[in-house]
Amino acid sequence: MLTLRLYMLQRITAMLMAPLVMGHLAVMIYAIQGGLDTAEILGRTQGSVVWFLFYGIFVVAVAIHGAIGLRTIIHEWGGVRGAGLEAVMWVTGVILLGLGARAVWSVTFAAGLGA
């Protein structure tokens, strides 16, 4: 039953990530073609709740999706089962979430905080 729930959760996060990836790519293409530099991009994202929510949701979806995917690969290719497999999934998810959350915070709200 857990495997089915994880399978469904991974599919849901994939559906959530698809439009977010397209939005991210569109923004990156716009920034590059517009000749924006890092300071100009940060000037537009700092203090923006919209960008915080956009990339925050993106990070949560990626962390969940990636952790479940790695769990599946380790199980299928390495034959790992049980608590070790679950630990890898949770540790991976927490690390991805932590790194992504720090990046989102830095790009949207950490101006002047040395981040």
PDB file of N, CA and C in Angstrom:
ATOM      1  N   MET A   1       0.819  -1.196   0.000  1.00  0.00           N
ATOM      2  CA  MET A   1       0.000   0.000   0.000  1.00  0.00           C
ATOM      3  C   MET A   1       0.864   1.263   0.000  1.00  0.00           C
ATOM      4  N   LEU A   2       1.970   1.229   0.745  1.00  0.00           N
ATOM      5  CA  LEU A   2       2.878   2.374   0.770  1.00  0.00           C
ATOM      6  C   LEU A   2       3.432   2.651  -0.620  1.00  0.00           C
ATOM      7  N   THR A   3       3.786   1.587  -1.331  1.00  0.00           N
ATOM      8  CA  THR A   3       4.337   1.748  -2.669  1.00  0.00           C
ATOM      9  C   THR A   3       3.336   2.423  -3.602  1.00  0.00           C
ATOM     10  N   LEU A   4       2.074   2.057  -3.512  1.00  0.00           N
ATOM     11  CA  LEU A   4       1.045   2.683  -4.334  1.00  0.00           C
ATOM     12  C   LEU A   4       0.902   4.166  -3.977  1.00  0.00           C
ATOM     13  N   ARG A   5       0.918   4.485  -2.696  1.00  0.00           N
ATOM     14  CA  ARG A   5       0.809   5.888  -2.272  1.00  0.00           C
ATOM     15  C   ARG A   5       1.995   6.709  -2.777  1.00  0.00           C
ATOM     16  N   LEU A   6       3.181   6.150  -2.675  1.00  0.00           N
ATOM     17  CA  LEU A   6       4.359   6.855  -3.167  1.00  0.00           C
ATOM     18  C   LEU A   6       4.308   7.026  -4.676  1.00  0.00           C
ATOM     19  N   TYR A   7       3.845   5.993  -5.375  1.00  0.00           N
ATOM     20  CA  TYR A   7       3.691   6.060  -6.828  1.00  0.00           C
ATOM     21  C   TYR A   7       2.743   7.196  -7.201  1.00  0.00           C
ATOM     22  N   MET A   8       1.603   7.263  -6.530  1.00  0.00           N
ATOM     23  CA  MET A   8       0.616   8.308  -6.822  1.00  0.00           C
ATOM     24  C   MET A   8       1.157   9.689  -6.462  1.00  0.00           C
ATOM     25  N   LEU A   9       1.842   9.800  -5.331  1.00  0.00           N
ATOM     26  CA  LEU A   9       2.414  11.076  -4.914  1.00  0.00           C
ATOM     27  C   LEU A   9       3.455  11.553  -5.920  1.00  0.00           C
ATOM     28  N   GLN A  10       4.246  10.637  -6.433  1.00  0.00           N
ATOM     29  CA  GLN A  10       5.246  11.026  -7.429  1.00  0.00           C
ATOM     30  C   GLN A  10       4.568  11.508  -8.706  1.00  0.00           C
ATOM     31  N   ARG A  11       3.484  10.875  -9.115  1.00  0.00           N
ATOM     32  CA  ARG A  11       2.765  11.305 -10.315  1.00  0.00           C
ATOM     33  C   ARG A  11       2.120  12.666 -10.104  1.00  0.00           C
ATOM     34  N   ILE A  12       1.599  12.907  -8.909  1.00  0.00           N
ATOM     35  CA  ILE A  12       0.991  14.203  -8.599  1.00  0.00           C
ATOM     36  C   ILE A  12       2.043  15.309  -8.625  1.00  0.00           C
ATOM     37  N   THR A  13       3.210  15.036  -8.039  1.00  0.00           N
ATOM     38  CA  THR A  13       4.266  16.057  -8.059  1.00  0.00           C
ATOM     39  C   THR A  13       4.762  16.299  -9.482  1.00  0.00           C
ATOM     40  N   ALA A  14       4.762  15.267 -10.321  1.00  0.00           N
ATOM     41  CA  ALA A  14       5.159  15.451 -11.722  1.00  0.00           C
ATOM     42  C   ALA A  14       4.167  16.370 -12.434  1.00  0.00           C
ATOM     43  N   MET A  15       2.881  16.182 -12.186  1.00  0.00           N
ATOM     44  CA  MET A  15       1.868  17.044 -12.800  1.00  0.00           C
ATOM     45  C   MET A  15       1.993  18.480 -12.305  1.00  0.00           C
ATOM     46  N   LEU A  16       2.373  18.635 -11.063  1.00  0.00           N
ATOM     47  CA  LEU A  16       2.572  19.969 -10.497  1.00  0.00           C
ATOM     48  C   LEU A  16       3.833  20.619 -11.070  1.00  0.00           C
ATOM     49  N   MET A  17       4.884  19.828 -11.232  1.00  0.00           N
ATOM     50  CA  MET A  17       6.156  20.374 -11.719  1.00  0.00           C
ATOM     51  C   MET A  17       6.109  20.765 -13.195  1.00  0.00           C
ATOM     52  N   ALA A  18       5.319  20.097 -14.001  1.00  0.00           N
ATOM     53  CA  ALA A  18       5.308  20.364 -15.445  1.00  0.00           C
ATOM     54  C   ALA A  18       5.051  21.839 -15.768  1.00  0.00           C
ATOM     55  N   PRO A  19       3.973  22.442 -15.265  1.00  0.00           N
ATOM     56  CA  PRO A  19       3.787  23.863 -15.575  1.00  0.00           C
ATOM     57  C   PRO A  19       4.818  24.759 -14.899  1.00  0.00           C
ATOM     58  N   LEU A  20       5.321  24.342 -13.737  1.00  0.00           N
ATOM     59  CA  LEU A  20       6.340  25.139 -13.057  1.00  0.00           C
ATOM     60  C   LEU A  20       7.646  25.143 -13.843  1.00  0.00           C
ATOM     61  N   VAL A  21       8.009  24.016 -14.418  1.00  0.00           N
ATOM     62  CA  VAL A  21       9.211  23.948 -15.265  1.00  0.00           C
ATOM     63  C   VAL A  21       9.032  24.858 -16.472  1.00  0.00           C
ATOM     64  N   MET A  22       7.867  24.797 -17.093  1.00  0.00           N
ATOM     65  CA  MET A  22       7.618  25.647 -18.265  1.00  0.00           C
ATOM     66  C   MET A  22       7.692  27.122 -17.884  1.00  0.00           C
ATOM     67  N   GLY A  23       7.122  27.470 -16.757  1.00  0.00           N
ATOM     68  CA  GLY A  23       7.189  28.854 -16.283  1.00  0.00           C
ATOM     69  C   GLY A  23       8.613  29.280 -15.986  1.00  0.00           C
ATOM     70  N   HIS A  24       9.368  28.409 -15.345  1.00  0.00           N
ATOM     71  CA  HIS A  24      10.766  28.709 -15.035  1.00  0.00           C
ATOM     72  C   HIS A  24      11.571  28.913 -16.321  1.00  0.00           C
ATOM     73  N   LEU A  25      11.394  28.023 -17.281  1.00  0.00           N
ATOM     74  CA  LEU A  25      12.115  28.163 -18.552  1.00  0.00           C
ATOM     75  C   LEU A  25      11.733  29.451 -19.271  1.00  0.00           C
ATOM     76  N   ALA A  26      10.457  29.793 -19.258  1.00  0.00           N
ATOM     77  CA  ALA A  26      10.009  31.034 -19.899  1.00  0.00           C
ATOM     78  C   ALA A  26      10.656  32.249 -19.248  1.00  0.00           C
ATOM     79  N   VAL A  27      10.724  32.250 -17.934  1.00  0.00           N
ATOM     80  CA  VAL A  27      11.348  33.365 -17.213  1.00  0.00           C
ATOM     81  C   VAL A  27      12.843  33.438 -17.524  1.00  0.00           C
ATOM     82  N   MET A  28      13.500  32.294 -17.567  1.00  0.00           N
ATOM     83  CA  MET A  28      14.936  32.290 -17.858  1.00  0.00           C
ATOM     84  C   MET A  28      15.216  32.775 -19.285  1.00  0.00           C
ATOM     85  N   ILE A  29      14.409  32.348 -20.233  1.00  0.00           N
ATOM     86  CA  ILE A  29      14.587  32.799 -21.621  1.00  0.00           C
ATOM     87  C   ILE A  29      14.355  34.306 -21.710  1.00  0.00           C
ATOM     88  N   TYR A  30      13.314  34.787 -21.043  1.00  0.00           N
ATOM     89  CA  TYR A  30      13.028  36.221 -21.028  1.00  0.00           C
ATOM     90  C   TYR A  30      14.201  36.992 -20.423  1.00  0.00           C
ATOM     91  N   ALA A  31      14.736  36.499 -19.306  1.00  0.00           N
ATOM     92  CA  ALA A  31      15.843  37.189 -18.639  1.00  0.00           C
ATOM     93  C   ALA A  31      17.086  37.223 -19.514  1.00  0.00           C
ATOM     94  N   ILE A  32      17.394  36.121 -20.158  1.00  0.00           N
ATOM     95  CA  ILE A  32      18.596  36.044 -20.996  1.00  0.00           C
ATOM     96  C   ILE A  32      18.438  36.915 -22.240  1.00  0.00           C
ATOM     97  N   GLN A  33      17.290  36.817 -22.900  1.00  0.00           N
ATOM     98  CA  GLN A  33      17.084  37.609 -24.115  1.00  0.00           C
ATOM     99  C   GLN A  33      16.952  39.088 -23.809  1.00  0.00           C
ATOM    100  N   GLY A  34      16.490  39.397 -22.611  1.00  0.00           N
ATOM    101  CA  GLY A  34      16.370  40.798 -22.210  1.00  0.00           C
ATOM    102  C   GLY A  34      17.684  41.384 -21.733  1.00  0.00           C
ATOM    103  N   GLY A  35      18.714  40.556 -21.632  1.00  0.00           N
ATOM    104  CA  GLY A  35      20.016  41.033 -21.207  1.00  0.00           C
ATOM    105  C   GLY A  35      20.101  41.382 -19.733  1.00  0.00           C
ATOM    106  N   LEU A  36      19.231  40.802 -18.933  1.00  0.00           N
ATOM    107  CA  LEU A  36      19.255  41.095 -17.499  1.00  0.00           C
ATOM    108  C   LEU A  36      20.466  40.453 -16.836  1.00  0.00           C
ATOM    109  N   ASP A  37      21.080  41.182 -15.923  1.00  0.00           N
ATOM    110  CA  ASP A  37      22.174  40.581 -15.155  1.00  0.00           C
ATOM    111  C   ASP A  37      21.624  40.131 -13.801  1.00  0.00           C
ATOM    112  N   THR A  38      22.478  39.556 -12.992  1.00  0.00           N
ATOM    113  CA  THR A  38      22.052  38.995 -11.707  1.00  0.00           C
ATOM    114  C   THR A  38      21.421  40.055 -10.814  1.00  0.00           C
ATOM    115  N   ALA A  39      22.019  41.217 -10.755  1.00  0.00           N
ATOM    116  CA  ALA A  39      21.484  42.287  -9.896  1.00  0.00           C
ATOM    117  C   ALA A  39      20.089  42.701 -10.338  1.00  0.00           C
ATOM    118  N   GLU A  40      19.864  42.781 -11.629  1.00  0.00           N
ATOM    119  CA  GLU A  40      18.543  43.162 -12.128  1.00  0.00           C
ATOM    120  C   GLU A  40      17.501  42.080 -11.837  1.00  0.00           C
ATOM    121  N   ILE A  41      17.897  40.826 -11.977  1.00  0.00           N
ATOM    122  CA  ILE A  41      16.974  39.723 -11.673  1.00  0.00           C
ATOM    123  C   ILE A  41      16.614  39.739 -10.198  1.00  0.00           C
ATOM    124  N   LEU A  42      17.624  39.868  -9.336  1.00  0.00           N
ATOM    125  CA  LEU A  42      17.359  39.906  -7.893  1.00  0.00           C
ATOM    126  C   LEU A  42      16.538  41.134  -7.520  1.00  0.00           C
ATOM    127  N   GLY A  43      16.744  42.229  -8.220  1.00  0.00           N
ATOM    128  CA  GLY A  43      15.947  43.424  -7.972  1.00  0.00           C
ATOM    129  C   GLY A  43      14.465  43.191  -8.231  1.00  0.00           C
ATOM    130  N   ARG A  44      14.169  42.300  -9.134  1.00  0.00           N
ATOM    131  CA  ARG A  44      12.774  41.983  -9.461  1.00  0.00           C
ATOM    132  C   ARG A  44      12.191  40.901  -8.558  1.00  0.00           C
ATOM    133  N   THR A  45      13.039  40.061  -7.989  1.00  0.00           N
ATOM    134  CA  THR A  45      12.520  38.954  -7.174  1.00  0.00           C
ATOM    135  C   THR A  45      12.529  39.254  -5.680  1.00  0.00           C
ATOM    136  N   GLN A  46      13.413  40.123  -5.216  1.00  0.00           N
ATOM    137  CA  GLN A  46      13.511  40.418  -3.786  1.00  0.00           C
ATOM    138  C   GLN A  46      12.198  41.008  -3.270  1.00  0.00           C
ATOM    139  N   GLY A  47      11.700  40.442  -2.196  1.00  0.00           N
ATOM    140  CA  GLY A  47      10.473  40.927  -1.576  1.00  0.00           C
ATOM    141  C   GLY A  47       9.193  40.485  -2.272  1.00  0.00           C
ATOM    142  N   SER A  48       9.288  39.617  -3.252  1.00  0.00           N
ATOM    143  CA  SER A  48       8.111  39.196  -4.000  1.00  0.00           C
ATOM    144  C   SER A  48       7.512  37.921  -3.419  1.00  0.00           C
ATOM    145  N   VAL A  49       6.298  38.051  -2.920  1.00  0.00           N
ATOM    146  CA  VAL A  49       5.579  36.885  -2.405  1.00  0.00           C
ATOM    147  C   VAL A  49       5.237  35.934  -3.546  1.00  0.00           C
ATOM    148  N   VAL A  50       4.954  36.484  -4.722  1.00  0.00           N
ATOM    149  CA  VAL A  50       4.593  35.648  -5.871  1.00  0.00           C
ATOM    150  C   VAL A  50       5.753  34.725  -6.242  1.00  0.00           C
ATOM    151  N   TRP A  51       6.972  35.279  -6.351  1.00  0.00           N
ATOM    152  CA  TRP A  51       8.129  34.443  -6.691  1.00  0.00           C
ATOM    153  C   TRP A  51       8.448  33.478  -5.566  1.00  0.00           C
ATOM    154  N   PHE A  52       8.255  33.915  -4.326  1.00  0.00           N
ATOM    155  CA  PHE A  52       8.468  33.025  -3.186  1.00  0.00           C
ATOM    156  C   PHE A  52       7.531  31.825  -3.265  1.00  0.00           C
ATOM    157  N   LEU A  53       6.261  32.061  -3.552  1.00  0.00           N
ATOM    158  CA  LEU A  53       5.297  30.961  -3.654  1.00  0.00           C
ATOM    159  C   LEU A  53       5.573  30.083  -4.863  1.00  0.00           C
ATOM    160  N   PHE A  54       5.872  30.699  -6.012  1.00  0.00           N
ATOM    161  CA  PHE A  54       6.151  29.942  -7.225  1.00  0.00           C
ATOM    162  C   PHE A  54       7.312  28.980  -6.995  1.00  0.00           C
ATOM    163  N   TYR A  55       8.453  29.518  -6.572  1.00  0.00           N
ATOM    164  CA  TYR A  55       9.623  28.667  -6.392  1.00  0.00           C
ATOM    165  C   TYR A  55       9.543  27.821  -5.128  1.00  0.00           C
ATOM    166  N   GLY A  56       8.816  28.283  -4.122  1.00  0.00           N
ATOM    167  CA  GLY A  56       8.618  27.467  -2.924  1.00  0.00           C
ATOM    168  C   GLY A  56       7.840  26.192  -3.220  1.00  0.00           C
ATOM    169  N   ILE A  57       6.759  26.333  -3.982  1.00  0.00           N
ATOM    170  CA  ILE A  57       5.969  25.161  -4.395  1.00  0.00           C
ATOM    171  C   ILE A  57       6.815  24.250  -5.273  1.00  0.00           C
ATOM    172  N   PHE A  58       7.584  24.858  -6.166  1.00  0.00           N
ATOM    173  CA  PHE A  58       8.469  24.104  -7.056  1.00  0.00           C
ATOM    174  C   PHE A  58       9.449  23.262  -6.235  1.00  0.00           C
ATOM    175  N   VAL A  59      10.071  23.863  -5.241  1.00  0.00           N
ATOM    176  CA  VAL A  59      11.064  23.163  -4.414  1.00  0.00           C
ATOM    177  C   VAL A  59      10.425  22.007  -3.646  1.00  0.00           C
ATOM    178  N   VAL A  60       9.271  22.228  -3.072  1.00  0.00           N
ATOM    179  CA  VAL A  60       8.592  21.150  -2.330  1.00  0.00           C
ATOM    180  C   VAL A  60       8.283  19.987  -3.268  1.00  0.00           C
ATOM    181  N   ALA A  61       7.753  20.288  -4.447  1.00  0.00           N
ATOM    182  CA  ALA A  61       7.417  19.234  -5.411  1.00  0.00           C
ATOM    183  C   ALA A  61       8.665  18.469  -5.858  1.00  0.00           C
ATOM    184  N   VAL A  62       9.741  19.197  -6.135  1.00  0.00           N
ATOM    185  CA  VAL A  62      10.992  18.552  -6.569  1.00  0.00           C
ATOM    186  C   VAL A  62      11.568  17.677  -5.464  1.00  0.00           C
ATOM    187  N   ALA A  63      11.552  18.168  -4.227  1.00  0.00           N
ATOM    188  CA  ALA A  63      12.099  17.379  -3.114  1.00  0.00           C
ATOM    189  C   ALA A  63      11.341  16.062  -2.942  1.00  0.00           C
ATOM    190  N   ILE A  64      10.031  16.131  -2.996  1.00  0.00           N
ATOM    191  CA  ILE A  64       9.213  14.917  -2.862  1.00  0.00           C
ATOM    192  C   ILE A  64       9.439  13.990  -4.053  1.00  0.00           C
ATOM    193  N   HIS A  65       9.360  14.545  -5.248  1.00  0.00           N
ATOM    194  CA  HIS A  65       9.506  13.757  -6.471  1.00  0.00           C
ATOM    195  C   HIS A  65      10.883  13.087  -6.546  1.00  0.00           C
ATOM    196  N   GLY A  66      11.914  13.849  -6.255  1.00  0.00           N
ATOM    197  CA  GLY A  66      13.276  13.315  -6.334  1.00  0.00           C
ATOM    198  C   GLY A  66      13.549  12.240  -5.294  1.00  0.00           C
ATOM    199  N   ALA A  67      13.074  12.457  -4.074  1.00  0.00           N
ATOM    200  CA  ALA A  67      13.298  11.474  -3.010  1.00  0.00           C
ATOM    201  C   ALA A  67      12.603  10.150  -3.319  1.00  0.00           C
ATOM    202  N   ILE A  68      11.377  10.223  -3.803  1.00  0.00           N
ATOM    203  CA  ILE A  68      10.650   9.005  -4.158  1.00  0.00           C
ATOM    204  C   ILE A  68      11.329   8.316  -5.342  1.00  0.00           C
ATOM    205  N   GLY A  69      11.756   9.101  -6.322  1.00  0.00           N
ATOM    206  CA  GLY A  69      12.436   8.520  -7.484  1.00  0.00           C
ATOM    207  C   GLY A  69      13.725   7.819  -7.112  1.00  0.00           C
ATOM    208  N   LEU A  70      14.530   8.437  -6.239  1.00  0.00           N
ATOM    209  CA  LEU A  70      15.771   7.808  -5.791  1.00  0.00           C
ATOM    210  C   LEU A  70      15.472   6.526  -5.011  1.00  0.00           C
ATOM    211  N   ARG A  71      14.425   6.559  -4.202  1.00  0.00           N
ATOM    212  CA  ARG A  71      14.022   5.357  -3.455  1.00  0.00           C
ATOM    213  C   ARG A  71      13.715   4.217  -4.424  1.00  0.00           C
ATOM    214  N   THR A  72      12.986   4.526  -5.489  1.00  0.00           N
ATOM    215  CA  THR A  72      12.620   3.514  -6.476  1.00  0.00           C
ATOM    216  C   THR A  72      13.852   2.945  -7.172  1.00  0.00           C
ATOM    217  N   ILE A  73      14.766   3.815  -7.572  1.00  0.00           N
ATOM    218  CA  ILE A  73      15.992   3.359  -8.253  1.00  0.00           C
ATOM    219  C   ILE A  73      16.828   2.481  -7.337  1.00  0.00           C
ATOM    220  N   ILE A  74      17.006   2.902  -6.097  1.00  0.00           N
ATOM    221  CA  ILE A  74      17.816   2.104  -5.151  1.00  0.00           C
ATOM    222  C   ILE A  74      17.163   0.756  -4.902  1.00  0.00           C
ATOM    223  N   HIS A  75      15.855   0.727  -4.801  1.00  0.00           N
ATOM    224  CA  HIS A  75      15.151  -0.548  -4.576  1.00  0.00           C
ATOM    225  C   HIS A  75      15.279  -1.467  -5.800  1.00  0.00           C
ATOM    226  N   GLU A  76      15.042  -0.911  -6.997  1.00  0.00           N
ATOM    227  CA  GLU A  76      15.060  -1.746  -8.202  1.00  0.00           C
ATOM    228  C   GLU A  76      16.470  -2.177  -8.589  1.00  0.00           C
ATOM    229  N   TRP A  77      17.428  -1.301  -8.494  1.00  0.00           N
ATOM    230  CA  TRP A  77      18.786  -1.616  -8.941  1.00  0.00           C
ATOM    231  C   TRP A  77      19.649  -2.226  -7.845  1.00  0.00           C
ATOM    232  N   GLY A  78      19.410  -1.802  -6.611  1.00  0.00           N
ATOM    233  CA  GLY A  78      20.263  -2.284  -5.529  1.00  0.00           C
ATOM    234  C   GLY A  78      19.635  -3.338  -4.653  1.00  0.00           C
ATOM    235  N   GLY A  79      18.333  -3.539  -4.823  1.00  0.00           N
ATOM    236  CA  GLY A  79      17.646  -4.544  -4.015  1.00  0.00           C
ATOM    237  C   GLY A  79      17.514  -4.158  -2.552  1.00  0.00           C
ATOM    238  N   VAL A  80      17.744  -2.897  -2.233  1.00  0.00           N
ATOM    239  CA  VAL A  80      17.643  -2.440  -0.844  1.00  0.00           C
ATOM    240  C   VAL A  80      16.174  -2.394  -0.453  1.00  0.00           C
ATOM    241  N   ARG A  81      15.894  -2.818   0.780  1.00  0.00           N
ATOM    242  CA  ARG A  81      14.525  -2.841   1.286  1.00  0.00           C
ATOM    243  C   ARG A  81      14.501  -2.352   2.724  1.00  0.00           C
ATOM    244  N   GLY A  82      13.308  -2.181   3.229  1.00  0.00           N
ATOM    245  CA  GLY A  82      13.113  -1.908   4.644  1.00  0.00           C
ATOM    246  C   GLY A  82      13.521  -0.512   5.089  1.00  0.00           C
ATOM    247  N   ALA A  83      13.984  -0.455   6.334  1.00  0.00           N
ATOM    248  CA  ALA A  83      14.289   0.820   6.984  1.00  0.00           C
ATOM    249  C   ALA A  83      15.393   1.591   6.271  1.00  0.00           C
ATOM    250  N   GLY A  84      16.381   0.888   5.735  1.00  0.00           N
ATOM    251  CA  GLY A  84      17.465   1.561   5.020  1.00  0.00           C
ATOM    252  C   GLY A  84      16.958   2.301   3.800  1.00  0.00           C
ATOM    253  N   LEU A  85      16.041   1.676   3.085  1.00  0.00           N
ATOM    254  CA  LEU A  85      15.459   2.289   1.899  1.00  0.00           C
ATOM    255  C   LEU A  85      14.643   3.528   2.276  1.00  0.00           C
ATOM    256  N   GLU A  86      13.864   3.400   3.324  1.00  0.00           N
ATOM    257  CA  GLU A  86      13.054   4.538   3.778  1.00  0.00           C
ATOM    258  C   GLU A  86      13.938   5.667   4.284  1.00  0.00           C
ATOM    259  N   ALA A  87      15.028   5.323   4.968  1.00  0.00           N
ATOM    260  CA  ALA A  87      15.951   6.345   5.470  1.00  0.00           C
ATOM    261  C   ALA A  87      16.574   7.135   4.327  1.00  0.00           C
ATOM    262  N   VAL A  88      16.979   6.444   3.264  1.00  0.00           N
ATOM    263  CA  VAL A  88      17.555   7.130   2.108  1.00  0.00           C
ATOM    264  C   VAL A  88      16.544   8.102   1.526  1.00  0.00           C
ATOM    265  N   MET A  89      15.296   7.667   1.406  1.00  0.00           N
ATOM    266  CA  MET A  89      14.258   8.531   0.845  1.00  0.00           C
ATOM    267  C   MET A  89      14.066   9.777   1.702  1.00  0.00           C
ATOM    268  N   TRP A  90      13.932   9.592   3.013  1.00  0.00           N
ATOM    269  CA  TRP A  90      13.687  10.727   3.899  1.00  0.00           C
ATOM    270  C   TRP A  90      14.874  11.675   3.968  1.00  0.00           C
ATOM    271  N   VAL A  91      16.072  11.131   4.062  1.00  0.00           N
ATOM    272  CA  VAL A  91      17.266  11.985   4.126  1.00  0.00           C
ATOM    273  C   VAL A  91      17.408  12.779   2.831  1.00  0.00           C
ATOM    274  N   THR A  92      17.213  12.121   1.704  1.00  0.00           N
ATOM    275  CA  THR A  92      17.285  12.805   0.407  1.00  0.00           C
ATOM    276  C   THR A  92      16.239  13.918   0.335  1.00  0.00           C
ATOM    277  N   GLY A  93      15.030  13.617   0.711  1.00  0.00           N
ATOM    278  CA  GLY A  93      13.957  14.614   0.676  1.00  0.00           C
ATOM    279  C   GLY A  93      14.251  15.816   1.557  1.00  0.00           C
ATOM    280  N   VAL A  94      14.744  15.564   2.755  1.00  0.00           N
ATOM    281  CA  VAL A  94      15.050  16.659   3.686  1.00  0.00           C
ATOM    282  C   VAL A  94      16.199  17.515   3.153  1.00  0.00           C
ATOM    283  N   ILE A  95      17.230  16.879   2.607  1.00  0.00           N
ATOM    284  CA  ILE A  95      18.359  17.629   2.054  1.00  0.00           C
ATOM    285  C   ILE A  95      17.908  18.482   0.875  1.00  0.00           C
ATOM    286  N   LEU A  96      17.159  17.892  -0.059  1.00  0.00           N
ATOM    287  CA  LEU A  96      16.670  18.652  -1.209  1.00  0.00           C
ATOM    288  C   LEU A  96      15.778  19.813  -0.767  1.00  0.00           C
ATOM    289  N   LEU A  97      14.913  19.556   0.175  1.00  0.00           N
ATOM    290  CA  LEU A  97      14.024  20.601   0.671  1.00  0.00           C
ATOM    291  C   LEU A  97      14.821  21.716   1.345  1.00  0.00           C
ATOM    292  N   GLY A  98      15.788  21.349   2.158  1.00  0.00           N
ATOM    293  CA  GLY A  98      16.598  22.351   2.847  1.00  0.00           C
ATOM    294  C   GLY A  98      17.401  23.220   1.889  1.00  0.00           C
ATOM    295  N   LEU A  99      18.073  22.585   0.927  1.00  0.00           N
ATOM    296  CA  LEU A  99      18.864  23.346  -0.042  1.00  0.00           C
ATOM    297  C   LEU A  99      17.973  24.228  -0.913  1.00  0.00           C
ATOM    298  N   GLY A 100      16.857  23.675  -1.362  1.00  0.00           N
ATOM    299  CA  GLY A 100      15.943  24.444  -2.195  1.00  0.00           C
ATOM    300  C   GLY A 100      15.310  25.601  -1.443  1.00  0.00           C
ATOM    301  N   ALA A 101      14.918  25.360  -0.199  1.00  0.00           N
ATOM    302  CA  ALA A 101      14.308  26.421   0.605  1.00  0.00           C
ATOM    303  C   ALA A 101      15.301  27.558   0.844  1.00  0.00           C
ATOM    304  N   ARG A 102      16.549  27.204   1.075  1.00  0.00           N
ATOM    305  CA  ARG A 102      17.583  28.236   1.267  1.00  0.00           C
ATOM    306  C   ARG A 102      17.758  29.062  -0.004  1.00  0.00           C
ATOM    307  N   ALA A 103      17.743  28.412  -1.153  1.00  0.00           N
ATOM    308  CA  ALA A 103      17.877  29.128  -2.422  1.00  0.00           C
ATOM    309  C   ALA A 103      16.679  30.049  -2.656  1.00  0.00           C
ATOM    310  N   VAL A 104      15.477  29.557  -2.403  1.00  0.00           N
ATOM    311  CA  VAL A 104      14.277  30.370  -2.596  1.00  0.00           C
ATOM    312  C   VAL A 104      14.315  31.579  -1.660  1.00  0.00           C
ATOM    313  N   TRP A 105      14.666  31.357  -0.417  1.00  0.00           N
ATOM    314  CA  TRP A 105      14.749  32.456   0.552  1.00  0.00           C
ATOM    315  C   TRP A 105      15.791  33.484   0.100  1.00  0.00           C
ATOM    316  N   SER A 106      16.927  33.021  -0.375  1.00  0.00           N
ATOM    317  CA  SER A 106      17.992  33.921  -0.809  1.00  0.00           C
ATOM    318  C   SER A 106      17.567  34.791  -1.983  1.00  0.00           C
ATOM    319  N   VAL A 107      16.810  34.217  -2.899  1.00  0.00           N
ATOM    320  CA  VAL A 107      16.419  34.937  -4.106  1.00  0.00           C
ATOM    321  C   VAL A 107      15.240  35.876  -3.847  1.00  0.00           C
ATOM    322  N   THR A 108      14.415  35.565  -2.848  1.00  0.00           N
ATOM    323  CA  THR A 108      13.208  36.358  -2.666  1.00  0.00           C
ATOM    324  C   THR A 108      13.218  37.285  -1.450  1.00  0.00           C
ATOM    325  N   PHE A 109      13.811  36.878  -0.344  1.00  0.00           N
ATOM    326  CA  PHE A 109      13.662  37.693   0.871  1.00  0.00           C
ATOM    327  C   PHE A 109      14.928  37.963   1.660  1.00  0.00           C
ATOM    328  N   ALA A 110      16.057  37.449   1.285  1.00  0.00           N
ATOM    329  CA  ALA A 110      17.237  37.561   2.143  1.00  0.00           C
ATOM    330  C   ALA A 110      18.090  38.798   1.855  1.00  0.00           C
ATOM    331  N   ALA A 111      17.571  39.775   1.191  1.00  0.00           N
ATOM    332  CA  ALA A 111      18.357  40.975   0.886  1.00  0.00           C
ATOM    333  C   ALA A 111      18.830  41.638   2.186  1.00  0.00           C
ATOM    334  N   GLY A 112      20.106  41.892   2.237  1.00  0.00           N
ATOM    335  CA  GLY A 112      20.663  42.557   3.404  1.00  0.00           C
ATOM    336  C   GLY A 112      20.933  41.656   4.587  1.00  0.00           C
ATOM    337  N   LEU A 113      20.651  40.368   4.446  1.00  0.00           N
ATOM    338  CA  LEU A 113      20.892  39.434   5.550  1.00  0.00           C
ATOM    339  C   LEU A 113      22.187  38.661   5.364  1.00  0.00           C
ATOM    340  N   GLY A 114      22.945  38.982   4.343  1.00  0.00           N
ATOM    341  CA  GLY A 114      24.212  38.310   4.106  1.00  0.00           C
ATOM    342  C   GLY A 114      24.065  36.951   3.461  1.00  0.00           C
ATOM    343  N   ALA A 115      22.896  36.653   2.939  1.00  0.00           N
ATOM    344  CA  ALA A 115      22.708  35.347   2.287  1.00  0.00           C
ATOM    345  C   ALA A 115      22.942  35.445   0.805  1.00  0.00           C
TER     346      ALA A 115
END
